[in-house]
C-alpha atoms as a PDB file:
ATOM      1  CA  ILE A   1     -11.708  -3.320  32.730  1.00  0.00           C
ATOM      2  CA  HIS A   2     -11.136  -3.023  28.983  1.00  0.00           C
ATOM      3  CA  THR A   3      -8.126  -4.879  27.566  1.00  0.00           C
ATOM      4  CA  ALA A   4      -6.290  -5.546  24.294  1.00  0.00           C
ATOM      5  CA  THR A   5      -3.348  -7.882  23.673  1.00  0.00           C
ATOM      6  CA  VAL A   6      -1.107  -7.830  20.616  1.00  0.00           C
ATOM      7  CA  SER A   7       2.354  -9.006  19.589  1.00  0.00           C
ATOM      8  CA  ALA A   8       4.889  -7.224  17.390  1.00  0.00           C
ATOM      9  CA  PRO A   9       8.105  -8.296  15.660  1.00  0.00           C
ATOM     10  CA  THR A  10      11.546  -6.765  15.428  1.00  0.00           C
ATOM     11  CA  ASN A  11      13.227  -5.653  12.213  1.00  0.00           C
ATOM     12  CA  ILE A  12      16.752  -5.532  10.853  1.00  0.00           C
ATOM     13  CA  ALA A  13      17.780  -2.554   8.736  1.00  0.00           C
ATOM     14  CA  CYS A  14      19.372  -3.080   5.323  1.00  0.00           C
ATOM     15  CA  ILE A  15      19.724   0.660   4.679  1.00  0.00           C
ATOM     16  CA  LYS A  16      20.706   2.118   8.042  1.00  0.00           C
ATOM     17  CA  TYR A  17      19.268   4.975  10.072  1.00  0.00           C
ATOM     18  CA  TRP A  18      21.945   6.879  11.974  1.00  0.00           C
ATOM     19  CA  GLY A  19      21.489  10.401  13.222  1.00  0.00           C
ATOM     20  CA  LYS A  20      18.476  12.484  14.203  1.00  0.00           C
ATOM     21  CA  ALA A  21      17.222  15.480  12.264  1.00  0.00           C
ATOM     22  CA  SER A  22      14.922  16.455  15.145  1.00  0.00           C
ATOM     23  CA  SER A  23      15.377  15.208  18.692  1.00  0.00           C
ATOM     24  CA  LYS A  24      11.982  16.613  19.643  1.00  0.00           C
ATOM     25  CA  TYR A  25      10.123  14.537  17.051  1.00  0.00           C
ATOM     26  CA  ASN A  26      12.679  11.679  16.931  1.00  0.00           C
ATOM     27  CA  THR A  27      13.115  11.914  13.163  1.00  0.00           C
ATOM     28  CA  PRO A  28      16.069  10.705  11.065  1.00  0.00           C
ATOM     29  CA  ILE A  29      18.531  12.583   8.854  1.00  0.00           C
ATOM     30  CA  ASN A  30      18.008   9.908   6.190  1.00  0.00           C
ATOM     31  CA  SER A  31      15.432   7.350   5.118  1.00  0.00           C
ATOM     32  CA  SER A  32      15.993   3.672   5.932  1.00  0.00           C
ATOM     33  CA  LEU A  33      14.690   0.258   4.910  1.00  0.00           C
ATOM     34  CA  SER A  34      14.367  -2.943   6.895  1.00  0.00           C
ATOM     35  CA  LEU A  35      13.140  -6.512   6.786  1.00  0.00           C
ATOM     36  CA  THR A  36      10.681  -7.527   9.508  1.00  0.00           C
ATOM     37  CA  LEU A  37      11.586 -10.833  11.165  1.00  0.00           C
ATOM     38  CA  ASP A  38       9.118 -13.665  11.729  1.00  0.00           C
ATOM     39  CA  GLN A  39       7.349 -13.431  15.090  1.00  0.00           C
ATOM     40  CA  SER A  40       7.591 -17.166  15.805  1.00  0.00           C
ATOM     41  CA  ASP A  41      11.076 -16.670  17.276  1.00  0.00           C
ATOM     42  CA  LEU A  42      11.364 -13.020  18.286  1.00  0.00           C
ATOM     43  CA  ARG A  43       8.457 -10.873  19.382  1.00  0.00           C
ATOM     44  CA  ALA A  44       7.148  -8.549  22.063  1.00  0.00           C
ATOM     45  CA  VAL A  45       3.705  -9.272  23.515  1.00  0.00           C
ATOM     46  CA  THR A  46       1.836  -6.419  25.173  1.00  0.00           C
ATOM     47  CA  THR A  47      -1.473  -6.184  27.017  1.00  0.00           C
ATOM     48  CA  ALA A  48      -2.983  -2.755  27.586  1.00  0.00           C
ATOM     49  CA  ALA A  49      -5.858  -2.302  30.031  1.00  0.00           C
ATOM     50  CA  ALA A  50      -7.938   0.746  30.919  1.00  0.00           C
ATOM     51  CA  SER A  51     -10.331   1.174  33.820  1.00  0.00           C
ATOM     52  CA  THR A  52     -12.026   3.904  35.821  1.00  0.00           C
ATOM     53  CA  SER A  53     -10.766   2.079  38.933  1.00  0.00           C
ATOM     54  CA  PHE A  54      -7.073   2.595  38.032  1.00  0.00           C
ATOM     55  CA  THR A  55      -5.557   5.447  40.026  1.00  0.00           C
ATOM     56  CA  LYS A  56      -2.487   5.989  37.797  1.00  0.00           C
ATOM     57  CA  ASP A  57      -0.754   4.764  34.630  1.00  0.00           C
ATOM     58  CA  ARG A  58       1.539   1.755  35.275  1.00  0.00           C
ATOM     59  CA  LEU A  59       3.917  -0.413  33.233  1.00  0.00           C
ATOM     60  CA  TRP A  60       5.394  -3.877  33.746  1.00  0.00           C
ATOM     61  CA  LEU A  61       8.245  -5.222  31.589  1.00  0.00           C
ATOM     62  CA  ASN A  62       8.960  -8.943  31.731  1.00  0.00           C
ATOM     63  CA  GLY A  63       7.176  -9.154  35.082  1.00  0.00           C
ATOM     64  CA  SER A  64       8.886  -6.216  36.796  1.00  0.00           C
ATOM     65  CA  GLU A  65       7.164  -2.885  37.298  1.00  0.00           C
ATOM     66  CA  GLU A  66       8.939   0.102  35.742  1.00  0.00           C
ATOM     67  CA  ALA A  67       8.088   2.807  38.241  1.00  0.00           C
ATOM     68  CA  ASN A  68       9.416   5.754  36.213  1.00  0.00           C
ATOM     69  CA  ALA A  69       8.196   4.671  32.758  1.00  0.00           C
ATOM     70  CA  PHE A  70       5.478   7.290  32.512  1.00  0.00           C
ATOM     71  CA  THR A  71       7.881  10.135  33.158  1.00  0.00           C
ATOM     72  CA  SER A  72       9.697   9.146  29.942  1.00  0.00           C
ATOM     73  CA  LYS A  73       8.929  11.608  27.132  1.00  0.00           C
ATOM     74  CA  ARG A  74       9.030   8.802  24.566  1.00  0.00           C
ATOM     75  CA  PHE A  75       6.568   6.646  26.460  1.00  0.00           C
ATOM     76  CA  ARG A  76       4.254   9.555  27.164  1.00  0.00           C
ATOM     77  CA  ALA A  77       4.291  10.578  23.495  1.00  0.00           C
ATOM     78  CA  CYS A  78       2.915   7.155  22.539  1.00  0.00           C
ATOM     79  CA  ILE A  79       0.240   7.058  25.258  1.00  0.00           C
ATOM     80  CA  ASP A  80      -0.902  10.652  24.777  1.00  0.00           C
ATOM     81  CA  GLY A  81      -0.744  10.462  20.985  1.00  0.00           C
ATOM     82  CA  LEU A  82      -3.031   7.450  20.863  1.00  0.00           C
ATOM     83  CA  ARG A  83      -5.424   8.707  23.548  1.00  0.00           C
ATOM     84  CA  ALA A  84      -5.975  11.730  21.327  1.00  0.00           C
ATOM     85  CA  LEU A  85      -7.011   9.426  18.460  1.00  0.00           C
ATOM     86  CA  ALA A  86      -9.400   7.317  20.559  1.00  0.00           C
ATOM     87  CA  THR A  87     -12.951   6.802  19.315  1.00  0.00           C
ATOM     88  CA  ASP A  88     -16.098   5.329  20.843  1.00  0.00           C
ATOM     89  CA  LYS A  89     -15.901   1.632  21.687  1.00  0.00           C
ATOM     90  CA  VAL A  90     -19.132   0.070  20.435  1.00  0.00           C
ATOM     91  CA  ASP A  91     -20.687  -3.327  21.192  1.00  0.00           C
ATOM     92  CA  PRO A  92     -20.702  -5.082  17.777  1.00  0.00           C
ATOM     93  CA  THR A  93     -24.010  -6.872  18.451  1.00  0.00           C
ATOM     94  CA  THR A  94     -26.086  -4.063  19.954  1.00  0.00           C
ATOM     95  CA  ASN A  95     -24.231  -0.993  18.562  1.00  0.00           C
ATOM     96  CA  GLU A  96     -24.340   0.371  22.101  1.00  0.00           C
ATOM     97  CA  VAL A  97     -21.474   2.685  23.095  1.00  0.00           C
ATOM     98  CA  ILE A  98     -19.521   0.872  25.816  1.00  0.00           C
ATOM     99  CA  VAL A  99     -16.856   3.558  26.281  1.00  0.00           C
ATOM    100  CA  SER A 100     -17.166   7.013  24.754  1.00  0.00           C
ATOM    101  CA  LYS A 101     -14.262   8.914  23.249  1.00  0.00           C
ATOM    102  CA  SER A 102     -14.319  11.403  26.127  1.00  0.00           C
ATOM    103  CA  GLN A 103     -14.305   8.633  28.762  1.00  0.00           C
ATOM    104  CA  TRP A 104     -11.012   7.220  27.438  1.00  0.00           C
ATOM    105  CA  GLN A 105      -9.316  10.533  28.228  1.00  0.00           C
ATOM    106  CA  SER A 106     -10.031  10.186  31.953  1.00  0.00           C
ATOM    107  CA  MET A 107      -9.079   6.489  32.266  1.00  0.00           C
ATOM    108  CA  HIS A 108      -5.613   5.444  33.367  1.00  0.00           C
ATOM    109  CA  VAL A 109      -3.900   2.533  31.630  1.00  0.00           C
ATOM    110  CA  HIS A 110      -1.950  -0.467  32.864  1.00  0.00           C
ATOM    111  CA  VAL A 111       0.490  -1.952  30.355  1.00  0.00           C
ATOM    112  CA  ALA A 112       2.197  -5.339  30.718  1.00  0.00           C
ATOM    113  CA  SER A 113       4.802  -6.360  28.140  1.00  0.00           C
ATOM    114  CA  TYR A 114       7.231  -9.213  27.734  1.00  0.00           C
ATOM    115  CA  ASN A 115       9.521 -10.246  24.937  1.00  0.00           C
ATOM    116  CA  THR A 116      10.797 -13.607  23.726  1.00  0.00           C
ATOM    117  CA  PHE A 117      14.231 -12.294  22.819  1.00  0.00           C
ATOM    118  CA  PRO A 118      16.935 -14.571  24.281  1.00  0.00           C
ATOM    119  CA  THR A 119      18.596 -12.546  27.028  1.00  0.00           C
ATOM    120  CA  ALA A 120      22.001 -13.298  25.523  1.00  0.00           C
ATOM    121  CA  ALA A 121      21.018 -12.368  21.995  1.00  0.00           C
ATOM    122  CA  GLY A 122      22.115  -8.762  22.179  1.00  0.00           C
ATOM    123  CA  LEU A 123      19.275  -7.866  19.843  1.00  0.00           C
ATOM    124  CA  ALA A 124      17.472  -4.565  20.123  1.00  0.00           C
ATOM    125  CA  SER A 125      14.002  -5.291  21.447  1.00  0.00           C
ATOM    126  CA  SER A 126      12.866  -1.659  21.716  1.00  0.00           C
ATOM    127  CA  ALA A 127      11.504  -1.666  18.144  1.00  0.00           C
ATOM    128  CA  ALA A 128       9.255  -4.627  18.905  1.00  0.00           C
ATOM    129  CA  GLY A 129       8.376  -3.264  22.355  1.00  0.00           C
ATOM    130  CA  TYR A 130       7.193   0.153  21.210  1.00  0.00           C
ATOM    131  CA  ALA A 131       5.449  -1.309  18.146  1.00  0.00           C
ATOM    132  CA  ALA A 132       3.518  -3.689  20.419  1.00  0.00           C
ATOM    133  CA  LEU A 133       2.689  -0.827  22.792  1.00  0.00           C
ATOM    134  CA  VAL A 134       1.279   1.297  19.970  1.00  0.00           C
ATOM    135  CA  ALA A 135      -0.642  -1.596  18.389  1.00  0.00           C
ATOM    136  CA  SER A 136      -2.199  -2.624  21.730  1.00  0.00           C
ATOM    137  CA  LEU A 137      -3.339   0.949  22.447  1.00  0.00           C
ATOM    138  CA  VAL A 138      -4.745   1.306  18.912  1.00  0.00           C
ATOM    139  CA  GLU A 139      -6.885  -1.741  19.571  1.00  0.00           C
ATOM    140  CA  LEU A 140      -7.804  -0.754  23.127  1.00  0.00           C
ATOM    141  CA  TYR A 141      -8.841   2.806  22.198  1.00  0.00           C
ATOM    142  CA  ASN A 142     -10.338   1.843  18.822  1.00  0.00           C
ATOM    143  CA  ALA A 143      -8.026   4.595  17.574  1.00  0.00           C
ATOM    144  CA  LYS A 144      -8.376   6.030  14.083  1.00  0.00           C
ATOM    145  CA  GLU A 145      -5.641   7.782  12.100  1.00  0.00           C
ATOM    146  CA  SER A 146      -6.216  11.378  11.011  1.00  0.00           C
ATOM    147  CA  TYR A 147      -3.768  10.811   8.104  1.00  0.00           C
ATOM    148  CA  PRO A 148      -2.186   7.650   6.583  1.00  0.00           C
ATOM    149  CA  GLY A 149       0.839   6.486   8.581  1.00  0.00           C
ATOM    150  CA  GLU A 150      -0.010   8.420  11.752  1.00  0.00           C
ATOM    151  CA  PHE A 151       0.321   5.319  13.950  1.00  0.00           C
ATOM    152  CA  THR A 152       3.853   4.768  12.618  1.00  0.00           C
ATOM    153  CA  ALA A 153       4.647   8.435  13.350  1.00  0.00           C
ATOM    154  CA  ILE A 154       3.556   7.888  16.961  1.00  0.00           C
ATOM    155  CA  ALA A 155       5.608   4.671  17.251  1.00  0.00           C
ATOM    156  CA  ARG A 156       8.597   6.590  15.846  1.00  0.00           C
ATOM    157  CA  GLN A 157       8.441   8.948  18.841  1.00  0.00           C
ATOM    158  CA  GLY A 158       8.883   5.952  21.141  1.00  0.00           C
ATOM    159  CA  SER A 159      11.719   4.303  19.238  1.00  0.00           C
ATOM    160  CA  GLY A 160      12.713   5.299  15.730  1.00  0.00           C
ATOM    161  CA  SER A 161      12.947   1.791  14.313  1.00  0.00           C
ATOM    162  CA  ALA A 162       9.647   0.824  16.000  1.00  0.00           C
ATOM    163  CA  CYS A 163       7.733   2.526  13.194  1.00  0.00           C
ATOM    164  CA  ARG A 164       9.084  -0.118  10.795  1.00  0.00           C
ATOM    165  CA  SER A 165       7.858  -2.970  13.043  1.00  0.00           C
ATOM    166  CA  LEU A 166       4.204  -2.073  12.512  1.00  0.00           C
ATOM    167  CA  TYR A 167       4.374  -3.807   9.116  1.00  0.00           C
ATOM    168  CA  GLY A 168       5.608  -7.186   7.928  1.00  0.00           C
ATOM    169  CA  GLY A 169       7.872  -7.768   4.947  1.00  0.00           C
ATOM    170  CA  PHE A 170      10.090  -4.948   3.674  1.00  0.00           C
ATOM    171  CA  VAL A 171       9.444  -1.547   5.213  1.00  0.00           C
ATOM    172  CA  ALA A 172      10.780   1.913   4.394  1.00  0.00           C
ATOM    173  CA  TRP A 173      10.941   4.685   6.979  1.00  0.00           C
ATOM    174  CA  ARG A 174      10.721   7.939   5.012  1.00  0.00           C
ATOM    175  CA  ALA A 175      12.840  10.709   6.509  1.00  0.00           C
ATOM    176  CA  GLY A 176      10.225  13.401   5.918  1.00  0.00           C
ATOM    177  CA  GLY A 177      10.986  16.970   6.888  1.00  0.00           C
ATOM    178  CA  MET A 178       8.799  18.770   4.363  1.00  0.00           C
ATOM    179  CA  LYS A 179       6.185  19.401   7.058  1.00  0.00           C
ATOM    180  CA  GLU A 180       6.914  21.536  10.100  1.00  0.00           C
ATOM    181  CA  ASP A 181       5.603  18.934  12.562  1.00  0.00           C
ATOM    182  CA  TRP A 182       7.448  16.090  10.793  1.00  0.00           C
ATOM    183  CA  SER A 183       4.157  14.238  10.260  1.00  0.00           C
ATOM    184  CA  ASP A 184       5.575  13.068   6.920  1.00  0.00           C
ATOM    185  CA  SER A 185       8.267  11.013   8.687  1.00  0.00           C
ATOM    186  CA  ILE A 186       6.354   7.730   8.506  1.00  0.00           C
ATOM    187  CA  ALA A 187       6.882   4.059   7.691  1.00  0.00           C
ATOM    188  CA  GLU A 188       5.513   2.489   4.499  1.00  0.00           C
ATOM    189  CA  GLN A 189       5.405  -1.150   3.448  1.00  0.00           C
ATOM    190  CA  VAL A 190       7.475  -1.656   0.286  1.00  0.00           C
ATOM    191  CA  ALA A 191       6.522  -5.338  -0.133  1.00  0.00           C
ATOM    192  CA  ASP A 192       4.593  -7.651   2.188  1.00  0.00           C
ATOM    193  CA  GLU A 193       5.895 -10.837   3.819  1.00  0.00           C
ATOM    194  CA  MET A 194       4.445 -13.023   1.044  1.00  0.00           C
ATOM    195  CA  HIS A 195       6.321 -11.195  -1.737  1.00  0.00           C
ATOM    196  CA  TRP A 196       9.782 -12.778  -1.305  1.00  0.00           C
ATOM    197  CA  LYS A 197       9.033 -15.887   0.723  1.00  0.00           C
ATOM    198  CA  GLU A 198      12.461 -17.437   0.018  1.00  0.00           C
ATOM    199  CA  MET A 199      14.261 -14.741   2.039  1.00  0.00           C
ATOM    200  CA  ARG A 200      15.885 -15.922   5.284  1.00  0.00           C
ATOM    201  CA  ALA A 201      17.789 -14.207   8.102  1.00  0.00           C
ATOM    202  CA  VAL A 202      20.537 -15.960  10.079  1.00  0.00           C
ATOM    203  CA  ILE A 203      21.439 -14.144  13.304  1.00  0.00           C
ATOM    204  CA  LEU A 204      24.972 -14.598  14.656  1.00  0.00           C
ATOM    205  CA  VAL A 205      25.341 -13.549  18.282  1.00  0.00           C
ATOM    206  CA  VAL A 206      28.950 -12.431  18.584  1.00  0.00           C
ATOM    207  CA  SER A 207      28.672 -10.802  22.007  1.00  0.00           C
ATOM    208  CA  ASP A 208      25.963  -9.967  24.530  1.00  0.00           C
ATOM    209  CA  ALA A 209      28.100  -7.426  26.383  1.00  0.00           C
ATOM    210  CA  LYS A 210      26.657  -3.946  26.778  1.00  0.00           C
ATOM    211  CA  LYS A 211      28.157  -1.618  24.175  1.00  0.00           C
ATOM    212  CA  GLU A 212      30.504   1.135  25.317  1.00  0.00           C
ATOM    213  CA  THR A 213      28.767   3.849  23.279  1.00  0.00           C
ATOM    214  CA  SER A 214      24.961   3.867  23.280  1.00  0.00           C
ATOM    215  CA  SER A 215      23.212   4.429  19.970  1.00  0.00           C
ATOM    216  CA  THR A 216      21.735   7.728  21.184  1.00  0.00           C
ATOM    217  CA  VAL A 217      25.128   9.155  22.213  1.00  0.00           C
ATOM    218  CA  GLY A 218      26.804   7.691  19.129  1.00  0.00           C
ATOM    219  CA  MET A 219      24.301   9.338  16.778  1.00  0.00           C
ATOM    220  CA  GLU A 220      24.689  12.736  18.434  1.00  0.00           C
ATOM    221  CA  THR A 221      28.488  12.564  18.180  1.00  0.00           C
ATOM    222  CA  SER A 222      28.392  11.394  14.556  1.00  0.00           C
ATOM    223  CA  VAL A 223      25.992  14.158  13.496  1.00  0.00           C
ATOM    224  CA  ALA A 224      28.214  16.733  15.209  1.00  0.00           C
ATOM    225  CA  THR A 225      31.571  15.532  13.854  1.00  0.00           C
ATOM    226  CA  SER A 226      31.284  13.262  10.785  1.00  0.00           C
ATOM    227  CA  GLU A 227      31.307  14.980   7.393  1.00  0.00           C
ATOM    228  CA  LEU A 228      30.962  11.527   5.824  1.00  0.00           C
ATOM    229  CA  LEU A 229      27.625  11.053   7.632  1.00  0.00           C
ATOM    230  CA  ALA A 230      26.256  14.326   6.237  1.00  0.00           C
ATOM    231  CA  HIS A 231      27.369  13.349   2.709  1.00  0.00           C
ATOM    232  CA  ARG A 232      25.900   9.882   3.142  1.00  0.00           C
ATOM    233  CA  ALA A 233      22.502  11.221   4.237  1.00  0.00           C
ATOM    234  CA  LYS A 234      22.240  13.780   1.445  1.00  0.00           C
ATOM    235  CA  GLU A 235      23.873  12.087  -1.547  1.00  0.00           C
ATOM    236  CA  ILE A 236      24.186   8.333  -1.050  1.00  0.00           C
ATOM    237  CA  VAL A 237      21.182   7.003   0.864  1.00  0.00           C
ATOM    238  CA  PRO A 238      18.525   8.356  -1.564  1.00  0.00           C
ATOM    239  CA  LYS A 239      20.223   6.460  -4.428  1.00  0.00           C
ATOM    240  CA  ARG A 240      20.536   3.304  -2.341  1.00  0.00           C
ATOM    241  CA  MET A 241      16.885   3.427  -1.309  1.00  0.00           C
ATOM    242  CA  LYS A 242      15.948   3.372  -5.012  1.00  0.00           C
ATOM    243  CA  ILE A 243      18.370   0.506  -5.747  1.00  0.00           C
ATOM    244  CA  ILE A 244      17.163  -1.671  -2.887  1.00  0.00           C
ATOM    245  CA  GLU A 245      13.449  -1.025  -3.474  1.00  0.00           C
ATOM    246  CA  ASP A 246      13.894  -1.984  -7.138  1.00  0.00           C
ATOM    247  CA  ALA A 247      15.853  -5.109  -6.102  1.00  0.00           C
ATOM    248  CA  ILE A 248      13.101  -6.162  -3.689  1.00  0.00           C
ATOM    249  CA  GLN A 249      10.363  -5.752  -6.304  1.00  0.00           C
ATOM    250  CA  ALA A 250      12.431  -7.748  -8.826  1.00  0.00           C
ATOM    251  CA  LYS A 251      13.541 -10.313  -6.178  1.00  0.00           C
ATOM    252  CA  ASP A 252      17.114  -9.637  -7.309  1.00  0.00           C
ATOM    253  CA  PHE A 253      19.225 -11.051  -4.455  1.00  0.00           C
ATOM    254  CA  GLU A 254      22.518 -10.085  -6.118  1.00  0.00           C
ATOM    255  CA  ALA A 255      21.566  -6.382  -6.116  1.00  0.00           C
ATOM    256  CA  PHE A 256      19.845  -6.619  -2.711  1.00  0.00           C
ATOM    257  CA  GLY A 257      22.830  -8.321  -1.090  1.00  0.00           C
ATOM    258  CA  LYS A 258      25.420  -5.952  -2.541  1.00  0.00           C
ATOM    259  CA  VAL A 259      23.700  -2.743  -1.466  1.00  0.00           C
ATOM    260  CA  THR A 260      22.911  -4.214   1.989  1.00  0.00           C
ATOM    261  CA  MET A 261      26.581  -5.064   2.627  1.00  0.00           C
ATOM    262  CA  MET A 262      27.828  -1.763   1.198  1.00  0.00           C
ATOM    263  CA  ASP A 263      25.456   0.186   3.429  1.00  0.00           C
ATOM    264  CA  SER A 264      26.525  -1.751   6.528  1.00  0.00           C
ATOM    265  CA  ASN A 265      30.160  -1.037   5.645  1.00  0.00           C
ATOM    266  CA  GLN A 266      29.462   2.665   5.179  1.00  0.00           C
ATOM    267  CA  PHE A 267      27.501   2.958   8.411  1.00  0.00           C
ATOM    268  CA  HIS A 268      30.488   1.594  10.340  1.00  0.00           C
ATOM    269  CA  ALA A 269      32.796   3.843   8.294  1.00  0.00           C
ATOM    270  CA  THR A 270      30.810   6.855   9.540  1.00  0.00           C
ATOM    271  CA  CYS A 271      31.301   5.561  13.080  1.00  0.00           C
ATOM    272  CA  LEU A 272      35.057   5.457  12.437  1.00  0.00           C
ATOM    273  CA  ASP A 273      34.848   8.946  10.873  1.00  0.00           C
ATOM    274  CA  THR A 274      33.166  10.205  14.053  1.00  0.00           C
ATOM    275  CA  TYR A 275      35.450  12.015  16.513  1.00  0.00           C
ATOM    276  CA  PRO A 276      36.337  10.416  18.821  1.00  0.00           C
ATOM    277  CA  PRO A 277      35.803   7.261  16.721  1.00  0.00           C
ATOM    278  CA  ILE A 278      33.182   4.675  17.671  1.00  0.00           C
ATOM    279  CA  PHE A 279      33.913   0.957  17.351  1.00  0.00           C
ATOM    280  CA  TYR A 280      30.843  -1.286  17.334  1.00  0.00           C
ATOM    281  CA  MET A 281      32.301  -4.294  15.545  1.00  0.00           C
ATOM    282  CA  ASN A 282      35.038  -6.494  16.988  1.00  0.00           C
ATOM    283  CA  ASP A 283      37.533  -8.989  15.517  1.00  0.00           C
ATOM    284  CA  VAL A 284      34.908 -11.743  15.326  1.00  0.00           C
ATOM    285  CA  SER A 285      32.558  -9.378  13.478  1.00  0.00           C
ATOM    286  CA  ARG A 286      35.253  -8.649  10.923  1.00  0.00           C
ATOM    287  CA  SER A 287      35.979 -12.362  10.520  1.00  0.00           C
ATOM    288  CA  VAL A 288      32.279 -12.883   9.689  1.00  0.00           C
ATOM    289  CA  ILE A 289      32.631 -10.300   6.908  1.00  0.00           C
ATOM    290  CA  GLN A 290      35.669 -12.170   5.563  1.00  0.00           C
ATOM    291  CA  MET A 291      33.836 -15.504   5.749  1.00  0.00           C
ATOM    292  CA  VAL A 292      30.828 -14.169   3.816  1.00  0.00           C
ATOM    293  CA  THR A 293      33.057 -12.440   1.239  1.00  0.00           C
ATOM    294  CA  ARG A 294      35.022 -15.655   0.587  1.00  0.00           C
ATOM    295  CA  TYR A 295      31.817 -17.720   0.444  1.00  0.00           C
ATOM    296  CA  ASN A 296      30.340 -15.430  -2.213  1.00  0.00           C
ATOM    297  CA  GLU A 297      33.610 -15.416  -4.160  1.00  0.00           C
ATOM    298  CA  TRP A 298      33.681 -19.229  -4.084  1.00  0.00           C
ATOM    299  CA  ALA A 299      30.053 -19.387  -5.243  1.00  0.00           C
ATOM    300  CA  GLY A 300      30.645 -16.890  -8.036  1.00  0.00           C
ATOM    301  CA  GLU A 301      27.521 -15.003  -6.904  1.00  0.00           C
ATOM    302  CA  ILE A 302      26.104 -13.355  -3.787  1.00  0.00           C
ATOM    303  CA  ARG A 303      24.472 -16.096  -1.712  1.00  0.00           C
ATOM    304  CA  ALA A 304      24.726 -14.375   1.661  1.00  0.00           C
ATOM    305  CA  ALA A 305      24.725 -10.710   2.680  1.00  0.00           C
ATOM    306  CA  TYR A 306      25.942  -9.484   6.076  1.00  0.00           C
ATOM    307  CA  THR A 307      24.695  -6.464   7.953  1.00  0.00           C
ATOM    308  CA  PHE A 308      25.708  -5.094  11.360  1.00  0.00           C
ATOM    309  CA  ASP A 309      23.760  -2.579  13.424  1.00  0.00           C
ATOM    310  CA  ALA A 310      25.343  -0.569  16.258  1.00  0.00           C
ATOM    311  CA  GLY A 311      26.962  -3.632  17.826  1.00  0.00           C
ATOM    312  CA  PRO A 312      29.110  -6.671  17.009  1.00  0.00           C
ATOM    313  CA  ASN A 313      26.308  -9.105  16.123  1.00  0.00           C
ATOM    314  CA  ALA A 314      25.772 -10.099  12.507  1.00  0.00           C
ATOM    315  CA  VAL A 315      22.609 -10.739  10.561  1.00  0.00           C
ATOM    316  CA  LEU A 316      23.130 -12.728   7.372  1.00  0.00           C
ATOM    317  CA  TYR A 317      20.457 -12.525   4.701  1.00  0.00           C
ATOM    318  CA  THR A 318      20.241 -15.483   2.355  1.00  0.00           C
ATOM    319  CA  LEU A 319      17.718 -17.480   0.341  1.00  0.00           C
ATOM    320  CA  ASP A 320      16.031 -20.647   1.523  1.00  0.00           C
ATOM    321  CA  LYS A 321      17.986 -22.860  -0.893  1.00  0.00           C
ATOM    322  CA  TYR A 322      21.313 -21.755   0.629  1.00  0.00           C
ATOM    323  CA  VAL A 323      20.409 -21.879   4.349  1.00  0.00           C
ATOM    324  CA  VAL A 324      21.810 -25.375   5.049  1.00  0.00           C
ATOM    325  CA  GLU A 325      25.018 -24.591   3.142  1.00  0.00           C
ATOM    326  CA  LEU A 326      25.447 -21.279   4.989  1.00  0.00           C
ATOM    327  CA  LEU A 327      24.756 -22.772   8.427  1.00  0.00           C
ATOM    328  CA  ALA A 328      27.312 -25.531   7.754  1.00  0.00           C
ATOM    329  CA  LEU A 329      29.869 -22.841   6.890  1.00  0.00           C
ATOM    330  CA  VAL A 330      29.042 -20.811  10.007  1.00  0.00           C
ATOM    331  CA  LEU A 331      29.296 -23.846  12.326  1.00  0.00           C
ATOM    332  CA  LYS A 332      32.613 -24.841  10.745  1.00  0.00           C
ATOM    333  CA  HIS A 333      34.071 -21.414  11.473  1.00  0.00           C
ATOM    334  CA  TYR A 334      32.300 -20.907  14.806  1.00  0.00           C
ATOM    335  CA  PRO A 335      31.464 -24.256  16.471  1.00  0.00           C
ATOM    336  CA  ALA A 336      28.503 -24.161  18.875  1.00  0.00           C
ATOM    337  CA  GLN A 337      29.606 -23.878  22.498  1.00  0.00           C
ATOM    338  CA  SER A 338      27.262 -26.629  23.626  1.00  0.00           C
ATOM    339  CA  PRO A 339      24.924 -29.231  22.091  1.00  0.00           C
ATOM    340  CA  GLU A 340      22.032 -27.547  23.934  1.00  0.00           C
ATOM    341  CA  LEU A 341      22.646 -24.258  22.128  1.00  0.00           C
ATOM    342  CA  LEU A 342      22.981 -26.091  18.835  1.00  0.00           C
ATOM    343  CA  GLY A 343      19.589 -27.747  19.283  1.00  0.00           C
ATOM    344  CA  GLU A 344      17.818 -24.635  20.564  1.00  0.00           C
ATOM    345  CA  TYR A 345      18.916 -22.066  18.024  1.00  0.00           C
ATOM    346  CA  VAL A 346      20.021 -23.910  14.860  1.00  0.00           C
END
């Protein structure tokens, strides 16, 4: 049996991806940019194994076997895409070929994955899950890219935002579309995790209830009905990508925070512009926006920046020197429900 085990983080988008340009290739109508979160708290850990004794491909998630996983087009795209890039596995001491490239093609794989996301967190773990799947298969197969970014293009076919989780720090997912096979829709690291070490993310879990409109259905409806979304993708996002990438390089939190909050607002405006309208935020979400706005007004500068994905939970970006102040403000407005929760997550 040949095995490889890796872990992968999740990421939170500052410039949002909403809407597919190609369902077949799982590509976006606009570029996006995210910050990869530290793996010490939230990560997916995946072990991939291959053997001539395995009779079929199998997957286990958090200890339970997913019987139909390999009929999923997304899952198959990742497995098949990386098998095609497999190379000989060589013993580093003897240079002897242990598994040849052709042998990988006939071996079935067993994949076991678990994540450390709190079950109540309501955080999307698919980005970390597919990133860990791709990374484990890259290692198992000794896979080699045929062009830069190909691994991220394969991860993208599993889960769009997964391509951004293959890097740490700040990561841009370029929309692509200049090539017929969308091979230019890849993720690129804008700045690594050491670049802006003072950056912090505070995650506020507003609700863990399942959302009424899934992201996939929501995107399809928005693309079909929202003129604001089309305008956003064509005219606004390219400018914002430039603004935020410049802000990151300059470590300009004022500019970074402003464009992050404006983009979150506009994403949810496109959801409201969708017909019928989609509501991902709730009253508590909106009160978080008010709290952050008043805090920044009181400070006379942007010290915290909110962003909301397709759900009610908030992520607040801030700098290390303001974390204690911000947490005190959050706990004043939203007292912890129990001392146990306070100790575990704060």
